[in-house]
Protein backbone atom coordinates (compact mmCIF):
# COMPACT_ATOMS: atom_id res chain seq x y z
CA MET A 1 -10.85 10.87 -15.41
CA THR A 2 -11.34 13.53 -17.98
CA ALA A 3 -11.19 17.22 -17.62
CA PRO A 4 -14.43 18.68 -16.41
CA ALA A 5 -15.98 21.09 -19.43
CA PRO A 6 -17.06 25.10 -19.06
CA GLN A 7 -19.80 25.37 -16.86
CA THR A 8 -23.49 25.20 -18.35
CA PRO A 9 -26.74 24.56 -16.87
CA ALA A 10 -26.79 21.60 -15.67
CA PRO A 11 -29.37 19.36 -16.76
CA ALA A 12 -31.17 16.55 -14.69
CA LEU A 13 -29.00 13.34 -14.11
CA ASP A 14 -29.21 11.07 -16.63
CA LEU A 15 -29.64 7.99 -14.23
CA ASP A 16 -30.05 5.19 -16.62
CA LYS A 17 -27.24 6.66 -18.94
CA LEU A 18 -24.91 6.22 -15.79
CA LEU A 19 -26.20 2.76 -15.15
CA ALA A 20 -25.92 1.47 -18.65
CA ALA A 21 -22.69 2.68 -18.53
CA ARG A 22 -22.00 0.74 -14.82
CA LEU A 23 -23.60 -2.03 -16.88
CA HIS A 24 -21.08 -2.00 -19.81
CA ALA A 25 -17.86 -1.73 -17.13
CA ALA A 26 -19.00 -5.01 -15.35
CA ARG A 27 -19.22 -6.58 -18.54
CA ALA A 28 -16.10 -4.89 -19.64
CA ARG A 29 -14.06 -5.78 -16.33
CA PRO A 30 -16.15 -9.21 -14.66
CA TYR A 31 -13.58 -9.46 -11.71
CA LEU A 32 -15.06 -5.72 -10.68
CA ALA A 33 -18.24 -6.32 -10.37
CA THR A 34 -19.04 -6.85 -7.30
CA ALA A 35 -17.32 -3.44 -6.63
CA LEU A 36 -19.12 -1.92 -9.35
CA PHE A 37 -22.70 -2.63 -7.89
CA ALA A 38 -21.66 -1.90 -4.53
CA LEU A 39 -21.43 1.63 -5.40
CA HIS A 40 -24.39 3.69 -4.30
CA VAL A 41 -24.70 6.53 -6.69
CA VAL A 42 -25.48 10.46 -5.28
CA GLU A 43 -26.58 13.38 -7.16
CA SER A 44 -24.55 16.75 -6.75
CA ARG A 45 -23.98 19.62 -8.35
CA HIS A 46 -20.62 20.90 -6.50
CA VAL A 47 -18.66 17.41 -8.12
CA PRO A 48 -16.52 18.39 -11.51
CA THR A 49 -17.22 14.60 -12.75
CA MET A 50 -17.28 12.23 -10.50
CA ALA A 51 -16.01 11.52 -7.33
CA VAL A 52 -16.30 8.57 -4.21
CA ASP A 53 -15.89 8.92 -0.59
CA ARG A 54 -14.25 6.30 1.92
CA HIS A 55 -18.28 5.08 2.27
CA TRP A 56 -18.12 3.72 -1.09
CA ARG A 57 -21.18 7.02 -2.22
CA CYS A 58 -20.21 7.81 -5.61
CA TYR A 59 -21.00 11.69 -6.28
CA VAL A 60 -21.91 12.70 -10.00
CA SER A 61 -22.09 15.57 -11.64
CA PRO A 62 -24.94 15.71 -14.12
CA ALA A 63 -23.70 17.46 -16.68
CA PHE A 64 -20.40 15.52 -16.61
CA VAL A 65 -22.73 12.26 -17.52
CA ASP A 66 -24.48 14.23 -20.42
CA ARG A 67 -21.76 14.70 -22.82
CA MET A 68 -20.17 11.78 -21.63
CA PRO A 69 -20.31 8.85 -23.91
CA VAL A 70 -21.47 5.87 -22.45
CA VAL A 71 -18.20 4.08 -23.22
CA GLU A 72 -15.75 6.64 -21.17
CA LEU A 73 -18.28 6.72 -18.54
CA ALA A 74 -17.55 3.58 -17.81
CA GLY A 75 -13.70 3.28 -17.77
CA VAL A 76 -14.63 6.23 -15.21
CA TRP A 77 -16.64 4.00 -12.99
CA VAL A 78 -13.88 1.34 -12.97
CA HIS A 79 -11.15 4.39 -12.13
CA GLU A 80 -13.28 5.58 -9.18
CA VAL A 81 -14.07 2.36 -8.17
CA SER A 82 -10.13 1.18 -8.20
CA HIS A 83 -9.37 4.45 -6.00
CA LEU A 84 -11.38 2.66 -3.26
CA LEU A 85 -10.08 -1.15 -3.85
CA ARG A 86 -6.63 -0.27 -3.64
CA ASP A 87 -7.37 1.84 -0.01
CA HIS A 88 -5.87 4.79 -2.08
CA HIS A 89 -7.40 7.17 0.92
CA GLY A 90 -6.03 4.88 3.82
CA ARG A 91 -3.01 5.03 2.08
CA SER A 92 -2.67 8.97 1.31
CA ASP A 93 -3.63 9.34 5.32
CA ARG A 94 -0.64 7.34 6.40
CA VAL A 95 1.78 8.77 3.85
CA ALA A 96 0.37 12.19 4.84
CA ARG A 97 1.37 11.32 8.88
CA VAL A 98 4.50 9.86 8.71
CA ARG A 99 5.99 12.24 5.86
CA GLU A 100 4.38 15.13 7.03
CA LEU A 101 2.30 15.92 3.71
CA HIS A 102 -1.22 18.17 5.06
CA GLY A 103 -3.38 20.32 2.93
CA PRO A 104 -5.21 20.12 -0.39
CA ALA A 105 -1.99 20.96 -2.50
CA GLU A 106 -0.82 17.57 -1.24
CA ARG A 107 -3.59 15.91 -1.46
CA LEU A 108 -3.70 16.07 -4.78
CA ARG A 109 -0.43 15.34 -5.61
CA MET A 110 -1.51 12.30 -3.72
CA ASN A 111 -4.79 12.02 -5.95
CA ILE A 112 -2.20 12.25 -9.24
CA ALA A 113 -0.21 10.03 -7.88
CA ALA A 114 -2.92 7.21 -7.00
CA ASP A 115 -4.29 7.75 -10.71
CA CYS A 116 -0.90 6.86 -11.57
CA GLU A 117 -0.97 3.85 -9.94
CA ILE A 118 -4.05 2.14 -11.26
CA ASN A 119 -4.39 4.06 -14.99
CA ASP A 120 -2.72 1.53 -16.78
CA ASP A 121 -5.06 -1.22 -15.51
CA VAL A 122 -8.42 1.02 -16.13
CA TYR A 123 -8.33 1.45 -19.96
CA GLY A 124 -8.49 -0.86 -23.18
CA ASP A 125 -9.94 -3.85 -23.73
CA GLY A 126 -13.33 -1.82 -24.53
CA LEU A 127 -12.89 0.86 -22.13
CA PRO A 128 -11.74 3.53 -24.20
CA ARG A 129 -8.31 6.27 -22.82
CA PRO A 130 -9.10 9.31 -22.67
CA ALA A 131 -6.83 12.17 -23.86
CA ASP A 132 -6.46 14.07 -21.03
CA VAL A 133 -6.14 10.89 -18.73
CA VAL A 134 -3.19 11.29 -16.32
CA LEU A 135 -0.42 8.10 -16.88
CA PRO A 136 2.67 7.79 -15.45
CA GLN A 137 4.50 8.12 -18.89
CA THR A 138 2.99 12.02 -18.96
CA LEU A 139 5.08 12.71 -16.13
CA GLY A 140 8.16 11.29 -17.83
CA LEU A 141 8.03 8.39 -14.50
CA PRO A 142 8.05 4.12 -15.40
CA ALA A 143 4.99 2.16 -15.31
CA GLY A 144 3.88 -0.11 -12.62
CA GLU A 145 4.70 1.19 -9.64
CA LEU A 146 2.26 1.80 -6.62
CA MET A 147 1.33 5.41 -4.97
CA GLU A 148 4.15 6.04 -2.69
CA ASP A 149 6.64 5.39 -4.87
CA TYR A 150 5.55 7.84 -7.63
CA LEU A 151 5.18 10.24 -4.64
CA ARG A 152 8.48 10.90 -4.49
CA GLN A 153 9.26 11.39 -7.48
CA PHE A 154 7.20 14.50 -8.90
CA ARG A 155 6.07 17.60 -7.04
CA LEU A 156 3.53 20.23 -8.22
CA GLY A 157 4.66 22.71 -10.96
CA PRO A 158 4.53 24.17 -14.43
CA TYR A 159 3.57 20.91 -15.97
CA THR A 160 1.01 19.77 -13.30
CA GLN A 161 -0.73 22.72 -14.29
CA GLY A 162 -3.41 20.74 -16.19
CA MET A 163 -3.91 18.31 -13.25
CA VAL A 164 -6.06 21.01 -11.01
CA TRP A 165 -9.11 20.04 -12.10
CA LEU A 166 -8.19 16.38 -10.78
CA ASP A 167 -10.99 15.76 -8.22
CA CYS A 168 -11.46 11.97 -7.56
CA GLY A 169 -13.11 12.44 -3.55
CA SER A 170 -12.13 11.60 -0.28
CA GLY A 171 -11.70 7.46 -1.69
CA ALA A 172 -8.75 9.20 -3.16
CA ASP A 173 -6.58 11.26 -1.17
CA GLY A 174 -8.03 11.09 2.30
CA LEU A 175 -9.31 14.80 2.58
CA GLU A 176 -13.32 15.24 3.23
CA ARG A 177 -14.63 17.61 0.70
CA GLU A 178 -17.88 19.92 1.01
CA TRP A 179 -20.41 17.43 -0.95
CA ASP A 180 -19.34 14.37 1.56
CA LEU A 181 -21.73 13.00 3.60
CA GLY A 182 -20.15 11.58 6.16
CA PRO A 183 -19.51 8.22 8.23
CA ASP A 184 -22.96 9.05 8.87
CA GLY A 185 -24.68 9.64 5.98
CA ALA A 186 -27.10 7.37 4.17
CA HIS A 187 -26.17 4.45 1.96
CA GLY A 188 -22.61 4.29 3.23
CA LEU A 189 -20.74 0.74 3.45
CA SER A 190 -19.76 -0.13 7.46
CA GLU A 191 -16.07 -1.48 7.31
CA GLN A 192 -16.95 -4.81 7.02
CA GLU A 193 -18.85 -4.30 4.22
CA ARG A 194 -16.11 -3.09 2.30
CA ASP A 195 -13.86 -5.15 3.30
CA ALA A 196 -16.11 -7.95 1.92
CA VAL A 197 -16.58 -6.47 -1.14
CA ARG A 198 -12.50 -6.46 -1.39
CA PHE A 199 -12.57 -9.79 -0.92
CA ARG A 200 -15.20 -10.70 -3.61
CA VAL A 201 -13.60 -9.17 -6.14
CA ALA A 202 -9.69 -10.31 -4.59
CA GLN A 203 -11.34 -13.89 -4.93
CA GLY A 204 -12.86 -13.53 -8.68
CA ILE A 205 -9.33 -12.55 -9.48
CA THR A 206 -7.07 -15.21 -7.81
CA ALA A 207 -9.93 -17.61 -9.41
CA ARG A 208 -9.04 -16.49 -12.72
CA PRO A 209 -6.08 -14.65 -13.17
CA GLY A 210 -5.71 -14.89 -16.63
CA ARG A 211 -8.55 -12.22 -17.14
CA ALA A 212 -6.65 -9.45 -14.64
CA PRO A 213 -3.95 -7.26 -15.83
CA LYS A 214 -0.88 -7.55 -13.96
CA GLY A 215 -1.57 -4.25 -11.04
CA TRP A 216 -4.66 -5.92 -10.21
CA ARG A 217 -3.35 -9.41 -9.66
CA ARG A 218 -0.69 -8.28 -7.16
CA TRP A 219 -3.22 -6.12 -5.28
CA ALA A 220 -5.90 -9.37 -4.83
CA GLU A 221 -2.54 -11.39 -3.55
CA GLU A 222 -2.10 -9.32 -1.26
CA ALA A 223 -5.99 -8.70 -0.02
CA PHE A 224 -5.73 -12.47 0.41
CA HIS A 225 -3.14 -12.02 2.52
CA PRO A 226 -4.37 -9.53 5.13
CA PRO A 227 -1.06 -9.22 7.50
CA GLN A 228 -3.46 -7.06 9.90
CA PRO A 229 -1.71 -8.68 13.99
CA TRP A 230 1.39 -8.20 11.68
CA ARG A 231 0.86 -5.01 10.56
CA GLU A 232 -0.19 -3.85 14.29
CA LEU A 233 3.27 -5.26 15.81
CA LEU A 234 5.07 -3.95 13.09
CA GLY A 235 3.50 -0.59 13.53
CA ALA A 236 4.47 -0.67 17.74
CA ALA A 237 8.02 -1.78 16.93
CA LEU A 238 8.58 0.99 14.26
CA ARG A 239 6.60 3.47 16.25
CA SER A 240 8.78 2.19 19.45
CA ALA A 241 12.13 2.46 17.60
CA VAL A 242 11.71 6.24 16.49
CA SER A 243 10.71 7.51 19.98
CA GLY A 244 13.87 6.62 21.36
CA SER A 245 16.31 9.69 22.07
CA GLY A 246 17.67 10.83 19.07
CA ALA A 247 16.38 8.20 17.17
CA GLY A 248 14.93 9.47 13.42
CA ASP A 249 15.36 13.10 14.09
CA ASP A 250 15.78 15.28 11.02
CA TYR A 251 15.97 18.99 10.23
CA SER A 252 14.02 20.42 7.32
CA TYR A 253 12.57 23.26 5.42
CA GLY A 254 9.64 21.84 3.65
CA ARG A 255 7.98 22.78 7.02
CA PRO A 256 9.77 26.06 8.54
CA ALA A 257 9.88 26.60 12.86
CA ARG A 258 7.24 28.37 14.42
CA ARG A 259 10.51 30.07 15.88
CA SER A 260 10.79 31.87 12.23
CA ALA A 261 7.56 34.47 13.30
CA GLY A 262 10.43 35.80 16.33
CA VAL A 263 13.34 35.98 13.56
CA PRO A 264 12.07 38.32 11.08
CA GLY A 265 13.94 37.63 7.67
CA ALA A 266 14.87 34.36 8.39
CA VAL A 267 13.49 30.71 7.86
CA LEU A 268 14.21 28.24 10.45
CA PRO A 269 14.30 24.25 9.91
CA SER A 270 12.16 22.66 11.74
CA LEU A 271 12.65 19.17 13.60
CA ARG A 272 11.06 16.27 11.78
CA ARG A 273 10.83 12.00 12.76
CA THR A 274 12.12 10.66 9.78
CA PRO A 275 10.72 6.63 9.15
CA PRO A 276 12.85 4.20 10.66
CA ARG A 277 14.80 1.73 8.80
CA VAL A 278 14.41 -1.26 8.26
CA SER A 279 16.18 -4.61 7.76
CA VAL A 280 14.81 -7.93 6.70
CA VAL A 281 16.12 -10.96 7.37
CA VAL A 282 14.27 -13.56 5.22
CA ASP A 283 15.00 -17.32 5.58
CA THR A 284 15.47 -19.09 2.54
CA SER A 285 16.82 -22.36 3.70
CA GLY A 286 15.06 -25.92 2.47
CA SER A 287 12.78 -26.19 5.11
CA VAL A 288 11.01 -22.71 4.26
CA SER A 289 8.72 -23.66 1.27
CA ASP A 290 7.95 -21.48 -1.79
CA GLY A 291 4.64 -20.88 -0.58
CA GLU A 292 6.17 -19.29 2.11
CA LEU A 293 8.53 -17.76 -0.02
CA GLY A 294 5.87 -16.21 -1.63
CA SER A 295 4.16 -15.45 1.70
CA ALA A 296 7.48 -13.47 2.87
CA LEU A 297 7.35 -11.31 -0.61
CA LEU A 298 3.56 -10.10 0.70
CA GLU A 299 5.31 -9.06 4.12
CA VAL A 300 7.64 -7.40 2.97
CA ALA A 301 5.79 -5.34 0.74
CA ALA A 302 3.32 -4.86 3.96
CA ILE A 303 6.60 -3.51 5.54
CA SER A 304 7.12 -0.96 3.32
CA ARG A 305 3.68 0.22 3.24
CA ALA A 306 4.07 0.18 7.26
CA VAL A 307 7.21 3.04 7.05
CA GLY A 308 5.17 5.41 4.76
CA GLY A 309 6.10 3.69 1.48
CA ARG A 310 9.90 4.76 2.09
CA ARG A 311 11.25 1.59 0.15
CA ASP A 312 14.35 3.21 0.04
CA MET A 313 14.38 2.65 3.95
CA VAL A 314 13.79 -1.01 3.57
CA THR A 315 16.49 -3.29 2.64
CA VAL A 316 16.75 -7.54 2.69
CA VAL A 317 18.94 -9.95 3.50
CA PRO A 318 18.67 -13.55 2.51
CA CYS A 319 20.01 -15.94 4.40
CA ASP A 320 20.16 -19.50 4.69
CA ALA A 321 22.80 -20.91 6.29
CA ALA A 322 25.23 -17.84 5.15
CA ALA A 323 24.05 -14.23 4.42
CA GLY A 324 23.66 -13.13 0.70
CA GLU A 325 23.83 -9.80 -0.37
CA VAL A 326 21.73 -7.05 1.41
CA HIS A 327 19.11 -5.73 -1.46
CA ARG A 328 17.62 -2.30 -1.26
CA LEU A 329 13.44 -3.02 -1.75
CA CYS A 330 12.49 -2.06 -5.06
CA ARG A 331 9.66 -4.22 -5.60
CA ALA A 332 8.69 -7.22 -3.92
CA GLU A 333 8.42 -9.17 -6.54
CA GLY A 334 12.19 -8.49 -7.43
CA ILE A 335 13.57 -9.44 -4.68
CA PRO A 336 16.03 -12.39 -5.45
CA LEU A 337 15.30 -15.29 -2.35
CA THR A 338 17.92 -17.51 -3.18
CA GLY A 339 19.75 -20.19 -1.00
CA GLY A 340 18.10 -23.98 -0.23
CA GLY A 341 20.70 -25.02 2.58
CA GLY A 342 20.81 -24.72 5.98
CA THR A 343 19.96 -22.32 8.20
CA ASP A 344 21.61 -19.97 10.54
CA LEU A 345 20.55 -16.78 10.91
CA ARG A 346 23.32 -15.31 13.12
CA THR A 347 24.83 -14.12 9.78
CA GLY A 348 21.73 -12.93 8.14
CA PHE A 349 21.52 -10.42 11.99
CA ALA A 350 25.49 -9.54 11.28
CA ARG A 351 25.25 -8.85 7.68
CA ALA A 352 22.06 -6.67 8.88
CA LEU A 353 23.62 -5.02 11.92
CA ALA A 354 26.74 -4.19 9.36
CA SER A 355 25.27 -2.28 6.77
CA ARG A 356 25.69 1.78 6.81
CA PRO A 357 23.65 3.27 8.32
CA ARG A 358 22.00 0.39 10.69
CA PRO A 359 18.76 -0.49 11.12
CA ASP A 360 16.43 0.44 13.68
CA VAL A 361 14.40 -2.20 13.22
CA VAL A 362 15.36 -5.84 12.43
CA VAL A 363 12.68 -7.87 10.76
CA VAL A 364 13.28 -11.92 10.55
CA LEU A 365 11.01 -13.84 8.37
CA THR A 366 11.55 -17.73 9.41
CA ASP A 367 10.14 -20.91 10.29
CA GLY A 368 12.61 -20.59 13.44
CA GLN A 369 14.72 -23.37 12.92
CA THR A 370 18.08 -21.85 13.27
CA PRO A 371 20.27 -20.84 15.89
CA TRP A 372 19.56 -17.26 17.19
CA PRO A 373 22.56 -14.41 18.39
CA ASP A 374 23.52 -15.21 21.92
CA ALA A 375 23.23 -11.74 22.51
CA ARG A 376 20.32 -8.75 21.95
CA PRO A 377 21.03 -6.76 19.16
CA PRO A 378 21.39 -3.21 19.54
CA CYS A 379 18.16 -2.27 17.69
CA ARG A 380 14.40 -3.53 17.96
CA THR A 381 13.83 -7.03 16.99
CA VAL A 382 10.56 -8.58 15.34
CA VAL A 383 10.32 -12.55 13.85
CA GLY A 384 7.67 -13.44 12.19
CA LEU A 385 7.30 -17.05 12.27
CA PHE A 386 5.93 -19.55 9.57
CA PRO A 387 3.96 -22.01 11.80
CA ARG A 388 5.65 -25.65 11.80
CA GLN A 389 3.29 -28.59 13.46
CA HIS A 390 5.92 -31.37 15.45
CA SER A 391 5.11 -34.23 16.85
CA GLY A 392 6.63 -33.37 20.41
CA SER A 393 10.19 -35.19 19.85
CA SER A 394 13.36 -33.62 19.77
CA GLY A 395 15.86 -33.68 17.45
CA GLU A 396 19.22 -32.04 16.38
CA ASP A 397 18.58 -32.07 12.25
CA GLU A 398 16.39 -29.16 10.91
CA ASN A 399 15.65 -32.08 8.15
CA ASN A 400 14.02 -34.36 10.54
CA PRO A 401 10.66 -34.12 10.80
CA ASP A 402 11.01 -34.30 14.51
CA TYR A 403 13.03 -31.50 15.22
CA VAL A 404 11.53 -28.95 17.33
CA PRO A 405 13.82 -25.62 17.25
CA ASP A 406 14.43 -23.36 19.73
CA THR A 407 12.18 -20.94 20.36
CA PRO A 408 13.31 -16.97 19.41
CA PRO A 409 15.02 -15.01 22.55
CA ASP A 410 12.64 -13.50 24.62
CA TRP A 411 14.38 -9.81 23.84
CA ALA A 412 12.33 -10.14 20.46
CA ARG A 413 8.84 -9.68 19.36
CA VAL A 414 7.09 -12.95 17.84
CA VAL A 415 3.65 -12.80 15.43
CA THR A 416 2.51 -16.19 13.23
CA ILE A 417 1.91 -15.52 9.62
CA GLY A 418 0.80 -17.42 6.76
CA PRO A 419 -1.57 -20.37 7.48
CA GLY A 420 -4.04 -21.13 10.90
CA ARG A 421 -4.18 -18.25 13.51
CA PRO A 422 -2.13 -15.58 13.83
CA GLY A 423 -1.14 -15.27 17.40
CA ALA A 424 1.77 -12.83 19.04
CA ARG A 425 3.87 -12.44 22.21
């Protein structure tokens, strides 16, 4: 987005110009056309430029439309709809809960981080980039990362003072604005309609992946593998892990304790809970296909979001008959999942539990064709099973198609991931 100009008497909204810009955006980014035309325009003189809410309304300043060229307005259309497609409002809400980030200043920081995630994919190829657009390099940050990653890498300061005008609306950072019509207002999309739009856009991108940038292709792959049951189960396991006595407790001066008011001249730290440490053991044996390993990468990315985007809290252990090296999660597509031999995930459990600091939760992604530890691990365990069809005969060799593996032990929470009907126990 571009910065608003000094206030002048606002003209009437030039709707023809605005819609012409949307058409130009759809021609420049045809894979986003479904989403662009799903947005409902709401004229608002309270909005500095253009902004969206989580219900897919686009609030537009008539003065902003009046002074912007059509091709630059087209870029703003793509920018705003990108926030909604990538669920920046929902992700901001989750990060705010986990990291205790509250107030307009933190939401501005989320808006800036979200802009850094999407702007590399917005401009170019028919959409000129404004001079004052926020990019990762503007903040001295690497390109190609996610909003949650950028949030950990910068703070508001003198070098961000020129960004205080930035306001893409509650659809970008989750904080409601005075101009929002709310969930009961006119022309909003229901949750099911929003999901349908995202699915149609993801479908268009995966059908012709060469037409979309890498960031959009990554988003589309994850949109096509929505692990809702997995997220629910993992979320329950993580909440249970951090609710135990002494788990994840730490003191922070970022949010002073209420007792500070009773101690003049002193600032006391408050007790806060940090996200749980998660170790993901990935089955890389020969019985797990490349497609399932790709699905495992998507699940690992979902796990990092479930712990508030704290990738430093997630480690990955590839394992076939022996455990590989423990990898810190930087980006899902960069995790080396090598293997191909037999399966003994007991070594993966041992390697994960031997890491320091020890994980609060162990997540295992496997087809289940493995021996399991005899004793319950000293932490929560979640097993994601790739589904298998068996004839019902029993064998002892996992290379035998009739081999029926042992079921995961009762102390593990289990959910089926990948094709087929997801289920959990």
